[in-house]
Amino acid sequence: MNSFANTPKPPYYAVIFTSVKISEDMGYSKMSKRMLELLSRQEGFLGFESAREELGITVSYWDSLDSIKKWKSNLEHKEAQRKGREIWYKEYKIRIAKVEQDYDFKKL
């Protein structure tokens, strides 16, 4: 991914997922691709931004807290969460924040 999410005028919500993965793939790439497919069809999903080095950070944007709860309870997503805890991540942290203001800068 090499562009910013196209978010609406605030307010909206951000789910910030910070993680440290194990080094082996063990099906992670396939599941990650599937989660992106599901996200694109999830009601209330606005977009995401992601970067990974040793520490990975993915921020997904949502129109409401209810949309975030529905995504968290998606059955395939629940399976990905379980595998994340059991085999893919050394550690992770999730934060949910309300975006009340945003602005940008573009060098032409």
PDB file of N, CA and C in Angstrom:
ATOM      1  N   MET A   1       0.848  -1.182   0.000  1.00  0.00           N
ATOM      2  CA  MET A   1       0.000   0.000   0.000  1.00  0.00           C
ATOM      3  C   MET A   1       0.887   1.238   0.000  1.00  0.00           C
ATOM      4  N   ASN A   2       0.581   2.210  -0.825  1.00  0.00           N
ATOM      5  CA  ASN A   2       1.428   3.390  -0.894  1.00  0.00           C
ATOM      6  C   ASN A   2       0.640   4.685  -0.963  1.00  0.00           C
ATOM      7  N   SER A   3      -0.585   4.680  -0.478  1.00  0.00           N
ATOM      8  CA  SER A   3      -1.354   5.915  -0.461  1.00  0.00           C
ATOM      9  C   SER A   3      -2.145   6.004   0.845  1.00  0.00           C
ATOM     10  N   PHE A   4      -2.577   7.206   1.142  1.00  0.00           N
ATOM     11  CA  PHE A   4      -3.367   7.430   2.345  1.00  0.00           C
ATOM     12  C   PHE A   4      -4.807   6.996   2.119  1.00  0.00           C
ATOM     13  N   ALA A   5      -5.463   6.571   3.177  1.00  0.00           N
ATOM     14  CA  ALA A   5      -6.884   6.259   3.101  1.00  0.00           C
ATOM     15  C   ALA A   5      -7.657   7.539   2.809  1.00  0.00           C
ATOM     16  N   ASN A   6      -8.664   7.420   1.995  1.00  0.00           N
ATOM     17  CA  ASN A   6      -9.510   8.557   1.646  1.00  0.00           C
ATOM     18  C   ASN A   6     -10.646   8.641   2.651  1.00  0.00           C
ATOM     19  N   THR A   7     -10.405   9.321   3.756  1.00  0.00           N
ATOM     20  CA  THR A   7     -11.385   9.406   4.840  1.00  0.00           C
ATOM     21  C   THR A   7     -12.293  10.623   4.667  1.00  0.00           C
ATOM     22  N   PRO A   8     -13.496  10.532   5.232  1.00  0.00           N
ATOM     23  CA  PRO A   8     -14.425  11.667   5.146  1.00  0.00           C
ATOM     24  C   PRO A   8     -14.057  12.752   6.149  1.00  0.00           C
ATOM     25  N   LYS A   9     -14.831  13.808   6.132  1.00  0.00           N
ATOM     26  CA  LYS A   9     -14.689  14.852   7.136  1.00  0.00           C
ATOM     27  C   LYS A   9     -14.983  14.247   8.513  1.00  0.00           C
ATOM     28  N   PRO A  10     -14.168  14.557   9.527  1.00  0.00           N
ATOM     29  CA  PRO A  10     -14.416  14.022  10.870  1.00  0.00           C
ATOM     30  C   PRO A  10     -15.763  14.496  11.412  1.00  0.00           C
ATOM     31  N   PRO A  11     -16.304  13.773  12.377  1.00  0.00           N
ATOM     32  CA  PRO A  11     -15.676  12.698  13.141  1.00  0.00           C
ATOM     33  C   PRO A  11     -15.840  11.332  12.480  1.00  0.00           C
ATOM     34  N   TYR A  12     -14.874  10.463  12.727  1.00  0.00           N
ATOM     35  CA  TYR A  12     -14.915   9.048  12.385  1.00  0.00           C
ATOM     36  C   TYR A  12     -13.975   8.354  13.365  1.00  0.00           C
ATOM     37  N   TYR A  13     -13.817   7.066  13.245  1.00  0.00           N
ATOM     38  CA  TYR A  13     -13.039   6.306  14.225  1.00  0.00           C
ATOM     39  C   TYR A  13     -11.842   5.622  13.578  1.00  0.00           C
ATOM     40  N   ALA A  14     -10.805   5.443  14.383  1.00  0.00           N
ATOM     41  CA  ALA A  14      -9.596   4.748  13.945  1.00  0.00           C
ATOM     42  C   ALA A  14      -9.323   3.587  14.893  1.00  0.00           C
ATOM     43  N   VAL A  15      -9.048   2.417  14.311  1.00  0.00           N
ATOM     44  CA  VAL A  15      -8.589   1.272  15.082  1.00  0.00           C
ATOM     45  C   VAL A  15      -7.099   1.119  14.755  1.00  0.00           C
ATOM     46  N   ILE A  16      -6.276   1.250  15.763  1.00  0.00           N
ATOM     47  CA  ILE A  16      -4.820   1.224  15.591  1.00  0.00           C
ATOM     48  C   ILE A  16      -4.324  -0.124  16.114  1.00  0.00           C
ATOM     49  N   PHE A  17      -3.817  -0.934  15.190  1.00  0.00           N
ATOM     50  CA  PHE A  17      -3.340  -2.279  15.521  1.00  0.00           C
ATOM     51  C   PHE A  17      -1.822  -2.275  15.378  1.00  0.00           C
ATOM     52  N   THR A  18      -1.137  -2.391  16.507  1.00  0.00           N
ATOM     53  CA  THR A  18       0.326  -2.391  16.543  1.00  0.00           C
ATOM     54  C   THR A  18       0.763  -3.803  16.911  1.00  0.00           C
ATOM     55  N   SER A  19       1.730  -4.361  16.148  1.00  0.00           N
ATOM     56  CA  SER A  19       2.074  -5.762  16.374  1.00  0.00           C
ATOM     57  C   SER A  19       3.546  -6.054  16.105  1.00  0.00           C
ATOM     58  N   VAL A  20       3.994  -7.155  16.702  1.00  0.00           N
ATOM     59  CA  VAL A  20       5.294  -7.746  16.414  1.00  0.00           C
ATOM     60  C   VAL A  20       4.999  -9.184  15.997  1.00  0.00           C
ATOM     61  N   LYS A  21       5.324  -9.514  14.738  1.00  0.00           N
ATOM     62  CA  LYS A  21       5.077 -10.845  14.192  1.00  0.00           C
ATOM     63  C   LYS A  21       6.238 -11.778  14.472  1.00  0.00           C
ATOM     64  N   ILE A  22       5.932 -13.083  14.417  1.00  0.00           N
ATOM     65  CA  ILE A  22       7.011 -14.056  14.375  1.00  0.00           C
ATOM     66  C   ILE A  22       7.610 -13.991  12.973  1.00  0.00           C
ATOM     67  N   SER A  23       8.752 -14.614  12.749  1.00  0.00           N
ATOM     68  CA  SER A  23       9.405 -14.493  11.452  1.00  0.00           C
ATOM     69  C   SER A  23       8.814 -15.405  10.377  1.00  0.00           C
ATOM     70  N   GLU A  24       8.251 -16.539  10.738  1.00  0.00           N
ATOM     71  CA  GLU A  24       7.681 -17.461   9.754  1.00  0.00           C
ATOM     72  C   GLU A  24       6.295 -17.004   9.327  1.00  0.00           C
ATOM     73  N   ASP A  25       5.931 -17.311   8.071  1.00  0.00           N
ATOM     74  CA  ASP A  25       4.632 -16.900   7.549  1.00  0.00           C
ATOM     75  C   ASP A  25       3.497 -17.744   8.113  1.00  0.00           C
ATOM     76  N   MET A  26       3.583 -19.042   8.040  1.00  0.00           N
ATOM     77  CA  MET A  26       2.606 -19.986   8.592  1.00  0.00           C
ATOM     78  C   MET A  26       1.156 -19.632   8.221  1.00  0.00           C
ATOM     79  N   GLY A  27       0.924 -19.224   6.975  1.00  0.00           N
ATOM     80  CA  GLY A  27      -0.417 -18.904   6.511  1.00  0.00           C
ATOM     81  C   GLY A  27      -0.855 -17.474   6.739  1.00  0.00           C
ATOM     82  N   TYR A  28       0.032 -16.659   7.306  1.00  0.00           N
ATOM     83  CA  TYR A  28      -0.308 -15.270   7.623  1.00  0.00           C
ATOM     84  C   TYR A  28      -0.657 -14.469   6.363  1.00  0.00           C
ATOM     85  N   SER A  29       0.157 -14.568   5.329  1.00  0.00           N
ATOM     86  CA  SER A  29      -0.065 -13.775   4.107  1.00  0.00           C
ATOM     87  C   SER A  29      -1.410 -14.082   3.471  1.00  0.00           C
ATOM     88  N   LYS A  30      -1.756 -15.348   3.421  1.00  0.00           N
ATOM     89  CA  LYS A  30      -3.041 -15.754   2.842  1.00  0.00           C
ATOM     90  C   LYS A  30      -4.200 -15.187   3.668  1.00  0.00           C
ATOM     91  N   MET A  31      -4.104 -15.293   4.983  1.00  0.00           N
ATOM     92  CA  MET A  31      -5.175 -14.781   5.845  1.00  0.00           C
ATOM     93  C   MET A  31      -5.259 -13.260   5.761  1.00  0.00           C
ATOM     94  N   SER A  32      -4.114 -12.602   5.695  1.00  0.00           N
ATOM     95  CA  SER A  32      -4.101 -11.142   5.584  1.00  0.00           C
ATOM     96  C   SER A  32      -4.820 -10.692   4.312  1.00  0.00           C
ATOM     97  N   LYS A  33      -4.550 -11.371   3.215  1.00  0.00           N
ATOM     98  CA  LYS A  33      -5.215 -11.044   1.952  1.00  0.00           C
ATOM     99  C   LYS A  33      -6.732 -11.244   2.082  1.00  0.00           C
ATOM    100  N   ARG A  34      -7.143 -12.323   2.729  1.00  0.00           N
ATOM    101  CA  ARG A  34      -8.569 -12.592   2.917  1.00  0.00           C
ATOM    102  C   ARG A  34      -9.225 -11.523   3.792  1.00  0.00           C
ATOM    103  N   MET A  35      -8.536 -11.087   4.840  1.00  0.00           N
ATOM    104  CA  MET A  35      -9.091 -10.054   5.715  1.00  0.00           C
ATOM    105  C   MET A  35      -9.288  -8.753   4.938  1.00  0.00           C
ATOM    106  N   LEU A  36      -8.369  -8.416   4.045  1.00  0.00           N
ATOM    107  CA  LEU A  36      -8.526  -7.201   3.233  1.00  0.00           C
ATOM    108  C   LEU A  36      -9.727  -7.308   2.306  1.00  0.00           C
ATOM    109  N   GLU A  37      -9.958  -8.503   1.750  1.00  0.00           N
ATOM    110  CA  GLU A  37     -11.142  -8.720   0.913  1.00  0.00           C
ATOM    111  C   GLU A  37     -12.415  -8.496   1.730  1.00  0.00           C
ATOM    112  N   LEU A  38     -12.462  -9.070   2.926  1.00  0.00           N
ATOM    113  CA  LEU A  38     -13.639  -8.916   3.784  1.00  0.00           C
ATOM    114  C   LEU A  38     -13.838  -7.467   4.218  1.00  0.00           C
ATOM    115  N   LEU A  39     -12.732  -6.808   4.579  1.00  0.00           N
ATOM    116  CA  LEU A  39     -12.825  -5.407   5.009  1.00  0.00           C
ATOM    117  C   LEU A  39     -13.462  -4.531   3.943  1.00  0.00           C
ATOM    118  N   SER A  40     -13.075  -4.746   2.710  1.00  0.00           N
ATOM    119  CA  SER A  40     -13.573  -3.888   1.629  1.00  0.00           C
ATOM    120  C   SER A  40     -15.088  -3.972   1.478  1.00  0.00           C
ATOM    121  N   ARG A  41     -15.688  -5.041   1.999  1.00  0.00           N
ATOM    122  CA  ARG A  41     -17.146  -5.213   1.908  1.00  0.00           C
ATOM    123  C   ARG A  41     -17.855  -4.963   3.238  1.00  0.00           C
ATOM    124  N   GLN A  42     -17.092  -4.666   4.271  1.00  0.00           N
ATOM    125  CA  GLN A  42     -17.669  -4.495   5.604  1.00  0.00           C
ATOM    126  C   GLN A  42     -18.376  -3.141   5.723  1.00  0.00           C
ATOM    127  N   GLU A  43     -19.606  -3.164   6.167  1.00  0.00           N
ATOM    128  CA  GLU A  43     -20.363  -1.927   6.345  1.00  0.00           C
ATOM    129  C   GLU A  43     -19.644  -1.004   7.328  1.00  0.00           C
ATOM    130  N   GLY A  44     -19.497   0.245   6.955  1.00  0.00           N
ATOM    131  CA  GLY A  44     -18.885   1.239   7.822  1.00  0.00           C
ATOM    132  C   GLY A  44     -17.377   1.372   7.676  1.00  0.00           C
ATOM    133  N   PHE A  45     -16.745   0.493   6.900  1.00  0.00           N
ATOM    134  CA  PHE A  45     -15.301   0.564   6.695  1.00  0.00           C
ATOM    135  C   PHE A  45     -14.970   1.699   5.740  1.00  0.00           C
ATOM    136  N   LEU A  46     -14.003   2.542   6.125  1.00  0.00           N
ATOM    137  CA  LEU A  46     -13.657   3.723   5.328  1.00  0.00           C
ATOM    138  C   LEU A  46     -12.318   3.596   4.609  1.00  0.00           C
ATOM    139  N   GLY A  47     -11.420   2.760   5.108  1.00  0.00           N
ATOM    140  CA  GLY A  47     -10.101   2.602   4.509  1.00  0.00           C
ATOM    141  C   GLY A  47      -9.080   2.205   5.558  1.00  0.00           C
ATOM    142  N   PHE A  48      -7.840   2.022   5.105  1.00  0.00           N
ATOM    143  CA  PHE A  48      -6.779   1.662   6.040  1.00  0.00           C
ATOM    144  C   PHE A  48      -5.424   2.129   5.524  1.00  0.00           C
ATOM    145  N   GLU A  49      -4.469   2.156   6.447  1.00  0.00           N
ATOM    146  CA  GLU A  49      -3.068   2.472   6.155  1.00  0.00           C
ATOM    147  C   GLU A  49      -2.223   1.494   6.962  1.00  0.00           C
ATOM    148  N   SER A  50      -1.140   1.014   6.366  1.00  0.00           N
ATOM    149  CA  SER A  50      -0.351  -0.006   7.049  1.00  0.00           C
ATOM    150  C   SER A  50       1.128   0.128   6.707  1.00  0.00           C
ATOM    151  N   ALA A  51       1.962  -0.189   7.694  1.00  0.00           N
ATOM    152  CA  ALA A  51       3.419  -0.211   7.498  1.00  0.00           C
ATOM    153  C   ALA A  51       3.983  -1.315   8.376  1.00  0.00           C
ATOM    154  N   ARG A  52       4.994  -2.007   7.867  1.00  0.00           N
ATOM    155  CA  ARG A  52       5.587  -3.080   8.662  1.00  0.00           C
ATOM    156  C   ARG A  52       7.102  -3.077   8.501  1.00  0.00           C
ATOM    157  N   GLU A  53       7.746  -3.043   9.621  1.00  0.00           N
ATOM    158  CA  GLU A  53       9.176  -3.325   9.770  1.00  0.00           C
ATOM    159  C   GLU A  53       9.210  -4.382  10.858  1.00  0.00           C
ATOM    160  N   GLU A  54      10.028  -4.210  11.873  1.00  0.00           N
ATOM    161  CA  GLU A  54       9.935  -5.112  13.028  1.00  0.00           C
ATOM    162  C   GLU A  54       8.610  -4.898  13.743  1.00  0.00           C
ATOM    163  N   LEU A  55       8.233  -3.645  13.866  1.00  0.00           N
ATOM    164  CA  LEU A  55       6.955  -3.267  14.455  1.00  0.00           C
ATOM    165  C   LEU A  55       5.992  -2.951  13.321  1.00  0.00           C
ATOM    166  N   GLY A  56       4.842  -3.596  13.311  1.00  0.00           N
ATOM    167  CA  GLY A  56       3.839  -3.322  12.295  1.00  0.00           C
ATOM    168  C   GLY A  56       2.745  -2.442  12.866  1.00  0.00           C
ATOM    169  N   ILE A  57       2.269  -1.512  12.056  1.00  0.00           N
ATOM    170  CA  ILE A  57       1.159  -0.657  12.473  1.00  0.00           C
ATOM    171  C   ILE A  57       0.151  -0.606  11.331  1.00  0.00           C
ATOM    172  N   THR A  58      -1.078  -0.965  11.642  1.00  0.00           N
ATOM    173  CA  THR A  58      -2.174  -0.853  10.687  1.00  0.00           C
ATOM    174  C   THR A  58      -3.264  -0.029  11.347  1.00  0.00           C
ATOM    175  N   VAL A  59      -3.718   0.977  10.636  1.00  0.00           N
ATOM    176  CA  VAL A  59      -4.806   1.820  11.123  1.00  0.00           C
ATOM    177  C   VAL A  59      -5.978   1.645  10.162  1.00  0.00           C
ATOM    178  N   SER A  60      -7.097   1.179  10.694  1.00  0.00           N
ATOM    179  CA  SER A  60      -8.306   1.099   9.875  1.00  0.00           C
ATOM    180  C   SER A  60      -9.260   2.191  10.346  1.00  0.00           C
ATOM    181  N   TYR A  61     -10.028   2.710   9.394  1.00  0.00           N
ATOM    182  CA  TYR A  61     -10.922   3.830   9.675  1.00  0.00           C
ATOM    183  C   TYR A  61     -12.371   3.377   9.494  1.00  0.00           C
ATOM    184  N   TRP A  62     -13.232   3.851  10.407  1.00  0.00           N
ATOM    185  CA  TRP A  62     -14.614   3.382  10.484  1.00  0.00           C
ATOM    186  C   TRP A  62     -15.565   4.547  10.718  1.00  0.00           C
ATOM    187  N   ASP A  63     -16.798   4.373  10.251  1.00  0.00           N
ATOM    188  CA  ASP A  63     -17.785   5.444  10.428  1.00  0.00           C
ATOM    189  C   ASP A  63     -18.418   5.462  11.809  1.00  0.00           C
ATOM    190  N   SER A  64     -18.331   4.340  12.560  1.00  0.00           N
ATOM    191  CA  SER A  64     -18.979   4.292  13.874  1.00  0.00           C
ATOM    192  C   SER A  64     -18.368   3.201  14.746  1.00  0.00           C
ATOM    193  N   LEU A  65     -18.603   3.313  16.040  1.00  0.00           N
ATOM    194  CA  LEU A  65     -18.177   2.259  16.965  1.00  0.00           C
ATOM    195  C   LEU A  65     -18.947   0.968  16.699  1.00  0.00           C
ATOM    196  N   ASP A  66     -20.199   1.079  16.290  1.00  0.00           N
ATOM    197  CA  ASP A  66     -20.997  -0.099  15.974  1.00  0.00           C
ATOM    198  C   ASP A  66     -20.387  -0.883  14.810  1.00  0.00           C
ATOM    199  N   SER A  67     -19.895  -0.187  13.795  1.00  0.00           N
ATOM    200  CA  SER A  67     -19.245  -0.853  12.659  1.00  0.00           C
ATOM    201  C   SER A  67     -17.997  -1.603  13.115  1.00  0.00           C
ATOM    202  N   ILE A  68     -17.243  -1.023  14.026  1.00  0.00           N
ATOM    203  CA  ILE A  68     -16.044  -1.674  14.567  1.00  0.00           C
ATOM    204  C   ILE A  68     -16.442  -2.944  15.323  1.00  0.00           C
ATOM    205  N   LYS A  69     -17.497  -2.874  16.125  1.00  0.00           N
ATOM    206  CA  LYS A  69     -17.957  -4.051  16.875  1.00  0.00           C
ATOM    207  C   LYS A  69     -18.397  -5.161  15.939  1.00  0.00           C
ATOM    208  N   LYS A  70     -19.092  -4.800  14.868  1.00  0.00           N
ATOM    209  CA  LYS A  70     -19.530  -5.807  13.896  1.00  0.00           C
ATOM    210  C   LYS A  70     -18.332  -6.472  13.228  1.00  0.00           C
ATOM    211  N   TRP A  71     -17.316  -5.706  12.874  1.00  0.00           N
ATOM    212  CA  TRP A  71     -16.115  -6.279  12.269  1.00  0.00           C
ATOM    213  C   TRP A  71     -15.421  -7.219  13.256  1.00  0.00           C
ATOM    214  N   LYS A  72     -15.321  -6.805  14.499  1.00  0.00           N
ATOM    215  CA  LYS A  72     -14.659  -7.641  15.508  1.00  0.00           C
ATOM    216  C   LYS A  72     -15.375  -8.975  15.673  1.00  0.00           C
ATOM    217  N   SER A  73     -16.682  -8.993  15.468  1.00  0.00           N
ATOM    218  CA  SER A  73     -17.439 -10.236  15.656  1.00  0.00           C
ATOM    219  C   SER A  73     -17.615 -11.052  14.373  1.00  0.00           C
ATOM    220  N   ASN A  74     -17.096 -10.597  13.240  1.00  0.00           N
ATOM    221  CA  ASN A  74     -17.138 -11.358  11.995  1.00  0.00           C
ATOM    222  C   ASN A  74     -16.455 -12.706  12.218  1.00  0.00           C
ATOM    223  N   LEU A  75     -17.104 -13.800  11.817  1.00  0.00           N
ATOM    224  CA  LEU A  75     -16.597 -15.142  12.112  1.00  0.00           C
ATOM    225  C   LEU A  75     -15.212 -15.415  11.525  1.00  0.00           C
ATOM    226  N   GLU A  76     -14.981 -15.019  10.279  1.00  0.00           N
ATOM    227  CA  GLU A  76     -13.655 -15.228   9.688  1.00  0.00           C
ATOM    228  C   GLU A  76     -12.606 -14.360  10.389  1.00  0.00           C
ATOM    229  N   HIS A  77     -12.998 -13.165  10.765  1.00  0.00           N
ATOM    230  CA  HIS A  77     -12.083 -12.294  11.487  1.00  0.00           C
ATOM    231  C   HIS A  77     -11.763 -12.878  12.861  1.00  0.00           C
ATOM    232  N   LYS A  78     -12.758 -13.474  13.508  1.00  0.00           N
ATOM    233  CA  LYS A  78     -12.531 -14.119  14.808  1.00  0.00           C
ATOM    234  C   LYS A  78     -11.506 -15.252  14.674  1.00  0.00           C
ATOM    235  N   GLU A  79     -11.572 -15.997  13.580  1.00  0.00           N
ATOM    236  CA  GLU A  79     -10.604 -17.066  13.339  1.00  0.00           C
ATOM    237  C   GLU A  79      -9.199 -16.480  13.137  1.00  0.00           C
ATOM    238  N   ALA A  80      -9.110 -15.377  12.401  1.00  0.00           N
ATOM    239  CA  ALA A  80      -7.817 -14.705  12.215  1.00  0.00           C
ATOM    240  C   ALA A  80      -7.279 -14.196  13.553  1.00  0.00           C
ATOM    241  N   GLN A  81      -8.159 -13.675  14.399  1.00  0.00           N
ATOM    242  CA  GLN A  81      -7.740 -13.210  15.721  1.00  0.00           C
ATOM    243  C   GLN A  81      -7.161 -14.364  16.542  1.00  0.00           C
ATOM    244  N   ARG A  82      -7.843 -15.516  16.504  1.00  0.00           N
ATOM    245  CA  ARG A  82      -7.378 -16.681  17.251  1.00  0.00           C
ATOM    246  C   ARG A  82      -5.996 -17.123  16.769  1.00  0.00           C
ATOM    247  N   LYS A  83      -5.824 -17.215  15.454  1.00  0.00           N
ATOM    248  CA  LYS A  83      -4.523 -17.623  14.902  1.00  0.00           C
ATOM    249  C   LYS A  83      -3.454 -16.592  15.228  1.00  0.00           C
ATOM    250  N   GLY A  84      -3.830 -15.326  15.221  1.00  0.00           N
ATOM    251  CA  GLY A  84      -2.880 -14.280  15.588  1.00  0.00           C
ATOM    252  C   GLY A  84      -2.332 -14.488  16.990  1.00  0.00           C
ATOM    253  N   ARG A  85      -3.240 -14.747  17.926  1.00  0.00           N
ATOM    254  CA  ARG A  85      -2.823 -14.980  19.318  1.00  0.00           C
ATOM    255  C   ARG A  85      -1.984 -16.248  19.443  1.00  0.00           C
ATOM    256  N   GLU A  86      -2.369 -17.297  18.724  1.00  0.00           N
ATOM    257  CA  GLU A  86      -1.730 -18.601  18.896  1.00  0.00           C
ATOM    258  C   GLU A  86      -0.434 -18.779  18.117  1.00  0.00           C
ATOM    259  N   ILE A  87      -0.345 -18.220  16.874  1.00  0.00           N
ATOM    260  CA  ILE A  87       0.833 -18.546  16.052  1.00  0.00           C
ATOM    261  C   ILE A  87       1.523 -17.376  15.349  1.00  0.00           C
ATOM    262  N   TRP A  88       0.863 -16.259  15.079  1.00  0.00           N
ATOM    263  CA  TRP A  88       1.471 -15.234  14.237  1.00  0.00           C
ATOM    264  C   TRP A  88       2.156 -14.101  14.969  1.00  0.00           C
ATOM    265  N   TYR A  89       1.671 -13.731  16.135  1.00  0.00           N
ATOM    266  CA  TYR A  89       2.190 -12.544  16.809  1.00  0.00           C
ATOM    267  C   TYR A  89       2.918 -12.883  18.093  1.00  0.00           C
ATOM    268  N   LYS A  90       4.049 -12.207  18.286  1.00  0.00           N
ATOM    269  CA  LYS A  90       4.729 -12.258  19.583  1.00  0.00           C
ATOM    270  C   LYS A  90       3.937 -11.423  20.577  1.00  0.00           C
ATOM    271  N   GLU A  91       3.462 -10.276  20.082  1.00  0.00           N
ATOM    272  CA  GLU A  91       2.621  -9.394  20.894  1.00  0.00           C
ATOM    273  C   GLU A  91       1.884  -8.420  19.983  1.00  0.00           C
ATOM    274  N   TYR A  92       0.779  -7.884  20.494  1.00  0.00           N
ATOM    275  CA  TYR A  92       0.053  -6.848  19.767  1.00  0.00           C
ATOM    276  C   TYR A  92      -0.750  -6.005  20.743  1.00  0.00           C
ATOM    277  N   LYS A  93      -1.156  -4.848  20.257  1.00  0.00           N
ATOM    278  CA  LYS A  93      -1.986  -3.944  21.043  1.00  0.00           C
ATOM    279  C   LYS A  93      -2.977  -3.287  20.088  1.00  0.00           C
ATOM    280  N   ILE A  94      -4.207  -3.120  20.559  1.00  0.00           N
ATOM    281  CA  ILE A  94      -5.248  -2.477  19.760  1.00  0.00           C
ATOM    282  C   ILE A  94      -5.746  -1.257  20.517  1.00  0.00           C
ATOM    283  N   ARG A  95      -5.827  -0.159  19.799  1.00  0.00           N
ATOM    284  CA  ARG A  95      -6.360   1.077  20.368  1.00  0.00           C
ATOM    285  C   ARG A  95      -7.478   1.573  19.451  1.00  0.00           C
ATOM    286  N   ILE A  96      -8.518   2.124  20.040  1.00  0.00           N
ATOM    287  CA  ILE A  96      -9.611   2.693  19.261  1.00  0.00           C
ATOM    288  C   ILE A  96      -9.729   4.162  19.643  1.00  0.00           C
ATOM    289  N   ALA A  97      -9.750   5.020  18.633  1.00  0.00           N
ATOM    290  CA  ALA A  97      -9.775   6.459  18.883  1.00  0.00           C
ATOM    291  C   ALA A  97     -10.807   7.138  17.986  1.00  0.00           C
ATOM    292  N   LYS A  98     -11.380   8.193  18.496  1.00  0.00           N
ATOM    293  CA  LYS A  98     -12.277   9.025  17.698  1.00  0.00           C
ATOM    294  C   LYS A  98     -11.439  10.128  17.054  1.00  0.00           C
ATOM    295  N   VAL A  99     -11.508  10.202  15.732  1.00  0.00           N
ATOM    296  CA  VAL A  99     -10.801  11.261  15.003  1.00  0.00           C
ATOM    297  C   VAL A  99     -11.720  12.472  14.954  1.00  0.00           C
ATOM    298  N   GLU A 100     -11.260  13.541  15.551  1.00  0.00           N
ATOM    299  CA  GLU A 100     -12.080  14.745  15.594  1.00  0.00           C
ATOM    300  C   GLU A 100     -11.578  15.824  14.650  1.00  0.00           C
ATOM    301  N   GLN A 101     -10.343  15.639  14.184  1.00  0.00           N
ATOM    302  CA  GLN A 101      -9.771  16.637  13.278  1.00  0.00           C
ATOM    303  C   GLN A 101      -8.722  15.940  12.416  1.00  0.00           C
ATOM    304  N   ASP A 102      -8.644  16.309  11.156  1.00  0.00           N
ATOM    305  CA  ASP A 102      -7.535  15.870  10.307  1.00  0.00           C
ATOM    306  C   ASP A 102      -7.203  16.968   9.311  1.00  0.00           C
ATOM    307  N   TYR A 103      -5.992  16.955   8.842  1.00  0.00           N
ATOM    308  CA  TYR A 103      -5.547  17.895   7.819  1.00  0.00           C
ATOM    309  C   TYR A 103      -4.387  17.259   7.081  1.00  0.00           C
ATOM    310  N   ASP A 104      -4.057  17.794   5.918  1.00  0.00           N
ATOM    311  CA  ASP A 104      -2.995  17.171   5.146  1.00  0.00           C
ATOM    312  C   ASP A 104      -2.081  18.205   4.509  1.00  0.00           C
ATOM    313  N   PHE A 105      -1.013  17.711   3.957  1.00  0.00           N
ATOM    314  CA  PHE A 105      -0.020  18.513   3.264  1.00  0.00           C
ATOM    315  C   PHE A 105       0.441  17.715   2.061  1.00  0.00           C
ATOM    316  N   LYS A 106       0.515  18.346   0.917  1.00  0.00           N
ATOM    317  CA  LYS A 106       1.021  17.696  -0.287  1.00  0.00           C
ATOM    318  C   LYS A 106       2.004  18.628  -0.956  1.00  0.00           C
ATOM    319  N   LYS A 107       3.211  18.164  -1.166  1.00  0.00           N
ATOM    320  CA  LYS A 107       4.211  18.920  -1.884  1.00  0.00           C
ATOM    321  C   LYS A 107       4.025  18.657  -3.358  1.00  0.00           C
ATOM    322  N   LEU A 108       3.822  19.691  -4.134  1.00  0.00           N
ATOM    323  CA  LEU A 108       3.563  19.506  -5.577  1.00  0.00           C
ATOM    324  C   LEU A 108       4.827  19.428  -6.378  1.00  0.00           C
TER     325      LEU A 108
END
